[in-house]
Amino acid sequence: MSTDDVSVVPEPSARGYYGPDGQPQFFSDPAMDRFVSVLVKITQELWVVSERLDGLERLVISKGLVTRAELDALGNDPAVNAERDQMLMAYVHRTLAALREPS
């Protein structure tokens, strides 16, 4: 059997949902599929971060380790802001990676 006989579309599946490369394709423009992928990844990451942040804030405040005002004041610390800038760049790289993929 030659490689021409092997389909990249998983079986069983509706052929209309996969592009010629075997990747799911829902829009006529592959860039739209990559854009939707970015939105889904951002949404997933944001929800995970929101849940974890809420849990940590509740825990540290309930244990009397910090106050809400102390947590809010961290936004004015230049060292904290510099670290957060580095974390932001890594986040942007991760979440927007699909836009850099060749079509």
C-alpha atoms as a PDB file:
ATOM      1  CA  MET A   1       0.000   0.000   0.000  1.00  0.00           C
ATOM      2  CA  SER A   2       1.422   3.385  -0.980  1.00  0.00           C
ATOM      3  CA  THR A   3       1.287   6.504   1.156  1.00  0.00           C
ATOM      4  CA  ASP A   4      -1.225   7.887  -1.361  1.00  0.00           C
ATOM      5  CA  ASP A   5      -3.725   5.285  -0.126  1.00  0.00           C
ATOM      6  CA  VAL A   6      -3.507   6.470   3.495  1.00  0.00           C
ATOM      7  CA  SER A   7      -5.929   9.205   4.527  1.00  0.00           C
ATOM      8  CA  VAL A   8      -4.881  11.804   7.085  1.00  0.00           C
ATOM      9  CA  VAL A   9      -8.533  12.177   8.144  1.00  0.00           C
ATOM     10  CA  PRO A  10      -9.356  10.009  11.153  1.00  0.00           C
ATOM     11  CA  GLU A  11     -11.989   7.317  10.657  1.00  0.00           C
ATOM     12  CA  PRO A  12     -14.861   7.455  11.313  1.00  0.00           C
ATOM     13  CA  SER A  13     -15.261  11.185  10.786  1.00  0.00           C
ATOM     14  CA  ALA A  14     -17.116  13.590   8.602  1.00  0.00           C
ATOM     15  CA  ARG A  15     -14.724  14.458   5.823  1.00  0.00           C
ATOM     16  CA  GLY A  16     -16.001  18.026   5.681  1.00  0.00           C
ATOM     17  CA  TYR A  17     -14.461  18.802   9.080  1.00  0.00           C
ATOM     18  CA  TYR A  18     -10.847  18.178   8.100  1.00  0.00           C
ATOM     19  CA  GLY A  19      -8.521  20.055   5.775  1.00  0.00           C
ATOM     20  CA  PRO A  20      -6.088  18.435   3.362  1.00  0.00           C
ATOM     21  CA  ASP A  21      -3.468  18.250   6.136  1.00  0.00           C
ATOM     22  CA  GLY A  22      -5.763  16.209   8.410  1.00  0.00           C
ATOM     23  CA  GLN A  23      -6.263  19.055  10.866  1.00  0.00           C
ATOM     24  CA  PRO A  24      -9.810  20.072  11.843  1.00  0.00           C
ATOM     25  CA  GLN A  25     -11.048  22.855   9.571  1.00  0.00           C
ATOM     26  CA  PHE A  26     -14.356  24.613  10.177  1.00  0.00           C
ATOM     27  CA  PHE A  27     -13.822  27.824   8.197  1.00  0.00           C
ATOM     28  CA  SER A  28     -12.854  28.277   4.564  1.00  0.00           C
ATOM     29  CA  ASP A  29      -9.880  30.390   5.691  1.00  0.00           C
ATOM     30  CA  PRO A  30      -7.426  28.314   7.793  1.00  0.00           C
ATOM     31  CA  ALA A  31      -6.369  31.511   9.578  1.00  0.00           C
ATOM     32  CA  MET A  32      -9.838  31.687  11.146  1.00  0.00           C
ATOM     33  CA  ASP A  33      -9.404  28.177  12.549  1.00  0.00           C
ATOM     34  CA  ARG A  34      -6.068  29.224  14.087  1.00  0.00           C
ATOM     35  CA  PHE A  35      -7.692  32.373  15.490  1.00  0.00           C
ATOM     36  CA  VAL A  36     -10.466  30.332  17.119  1.00  0.00           C
ATOM     37  CA  SER A  37      -7.785  28.054  18.560  1.00  0.00           C
ATOM     38  CA  VAL A  38      -6.110  31.088  20.130  1.00  0.00           C
ATOM     39  CA  LEU A  39      -9.390  32.236  21.657  1.00  0.00           C
ATOM     40  CA  VAL A  40     -10.056  28.799  23.129  1.00  0.00           C
ATOM     41  CA  LYS A  41      -6.544  28.607  24.608  1.00  0.00           C
ATOM     42  CA  ILE A  42      -6.823  32.077  26.122  1.00  0.00           C
ATOM     43  CA  THR A  43     -10.227  31.239  27.578  1.00  0.00           C
ATOM     44  CA  GLN A  44      -8.909  27.999  29.103  1.00  0.00           C
ATOM     45  CA  GLU A  45      -5.863  29.678  30.614  1.00  0.00           C
ATOM     46  CA  LEU A  46      -7.859  32.604  31.945  1.00  0.00           C
ATOM     47  CA  TRP A  47     -10.359  30.374  33.705  1.00  0.00           C
ATOM     48  CA  VAL A  48      -7.656  28.208  35.311  1.00  0.00           C
ATOM     49  CA  VAL A  49      -5.796  31.296  36.507  1.00  0.00           C
ATOM     50  CA  SER A  50      -9.005  32.880  37.812  1.00  0.00           C
ATOM     51  CA  GLU A  51      -9.922  29.803  39.843  1.00  0.00           C
ATOM     52  CA  ARG A  52      -6.435  29.381  41.266  1.00  0.00           C
ATOM     53  CA  LEU A  53      -6.077  33.066  42.092  1.00  0.00           C
ATOM     54  CA  ASP A  54      -9.448  33.133  43.822  1.00  0.00           C
ATOM     55  CA  GLY A  55      -8.499  30.080  45.869  1.00  0.00           C
ATOM     56  CA  LEU A  56      -5.122  31.472  46.881  1.00  0.00           C
ATOM     57  CA  GLU A  57      -6.532  34.862  47.824  1.00  0.00           C
ATOM     58  CA  ARG A  58      -9.244  33.284  49.944  1.00  0.00           C
ATOM     59  CA  LEU A  59      -6.725  30.997  51.633  1.00  0.00           C
ATOM     60  CA  VAL A  60      -4.115  33.608  52.508  1.00  0.00           C
ATOM     61  CA  ILE A  61      -6.687  36.141  53.679  1.00  0.00           C
ATOM     62  CA  SER A  62      -8.558  33.560  55.792  1.00  0.00           C
ATOM     63  CA  LYS A  63      -5.282  32.540  57.471  1.00  0.00           C
ATOM     64  CA  GLY A  64      -4.479  36.170  58.216  1.00  0.00           C
ATOM     65  CA  LEU A  65      -1.272  36.029  56.172  1.00  0.00           C
ATOM     66  CA  VAL A  66      -2.134  39.168  54.201  1.00  0.00           C
ATOM     67  CA  THR A  67      -4.939  41.650  53.872  1.00  0.00           C
ATOM     68  CA  ARG A  68      -6.827  42.565  50.723  1.00  0.00           C
ATOM     69  CA  ALA A  69      -5.071  45.960  50.794  1.00  0.00           C
ATOM     70  CA  GLU A  70      -1.634  44.294  50.888  1.00  0.00           C
ATOM     71  CA  LEU A  71      -2.531  42.148  47.893  1.00  0.00           C
ATOM     72  CA  ASP A  72      -3.728  45.187  45.969  1.00  0.00           C
ATOM     73  CA  ALA A  73      -0.521  47.112  46.830  1.00  0.00           C
ATOM     74  CA  LEU A  74       1.637  44.556  44.974  1.00  0.00           C
ATOM     75  CA  GLY A  75       0.621  46.251  41.729  1.00  0.00           C
ATOM     76  CA  ASN A  76       2.738  49.267  42.685  1.00  0.00           C
ATOM     77  CA  ASP A  77       5.991  47.347  43.263  1.00  0.00           C
ATOM     78  CA  PRO A  78       8.482  47.858  40.364  1.00  0.00           C
ATOM     79  CA  ALA A  79      10.240  44.514  40.973  1.00  0.00           C
ATOM     80  CA  VAL A  80       6.920  42.664  40.915  1.00  0.00           C
ATOM     81  CA  ASN A  81       5.920  44.520  37.760  1.00  0.00           C
ATOM     82  CA  ALA A  82       9.203  43.569  36.037  1.00  0.00           C
ATOM     83  CA  GLU A  83       8.639  39.877  36.823  1.00  0.00           C
ATOM     84  CA  ARG A  84       5.061  40.130  35.642  1.00  0.00           C
ATOM     85  CA  ASP A  85       6.236  41.655  32.343  1.00  0.00           C
ATOM     86  CA  GLN A  86       8.407  38.573  31.734  1.00  0.00           C
ATOM     87  CA  MET A  87       5.494  36.293  32.612  1.00  0.00           C
ATOM     88  CA  LEU A  88       3.276  38.258  30.219  1.00  0.00           C
ATOM     89  CA  MET A  89       5.698  37.732  27.329  1.00  0.00           C
ATOM     90  CA  ALA A  90       5.715  33.961  27.962  1.00  0.00           C
ATOM     91  CA  TYR A  91       1.916  33.966  28.131  1.00  0.00           C
ATOM     92  CA  VAL A  92       1.590  35.853  24.838  1.00  0.00           C
ATOM     93  CA  HIS A  93       4.029  33.443  23.193  1.00  0.00           C
ATOM     94  CA  ARG A  94       2.048  30.418  24.423  1.00  0.00           C
ATOM     95  CA  THR A  95      -1.413  31.666  23.592  1.00  0.00           C
ATOM     96  CA  LEU A  96      -0.671  33.242  20.219  1.00  0.00           C
ATOM     97  CA  ALA A  97       1.522  30.392  18.943  1.00  0.00           C
ATOM     98  CA  ALA A  98      -1.186  29.153  16.576  1.00  0.00           C
ATOM     99  CA  LEU A  99      -1.118  32.446  14.692  1.00  0.00           C
ATOM    100  CA  ARG A 100       2.557  31.868  13.857  1.00  0.00           C
ATOM    101  CA  GLU A 101       1.929  28.401  12.397  1.00  0.00           C
ATOM    102  CA  PRO A 102       2.194  28.220   8.614  1.00  0.00           C
ATOM    103  CA  SER A 103      -1.072  27.782   6.791  1.00  0.00           C
END
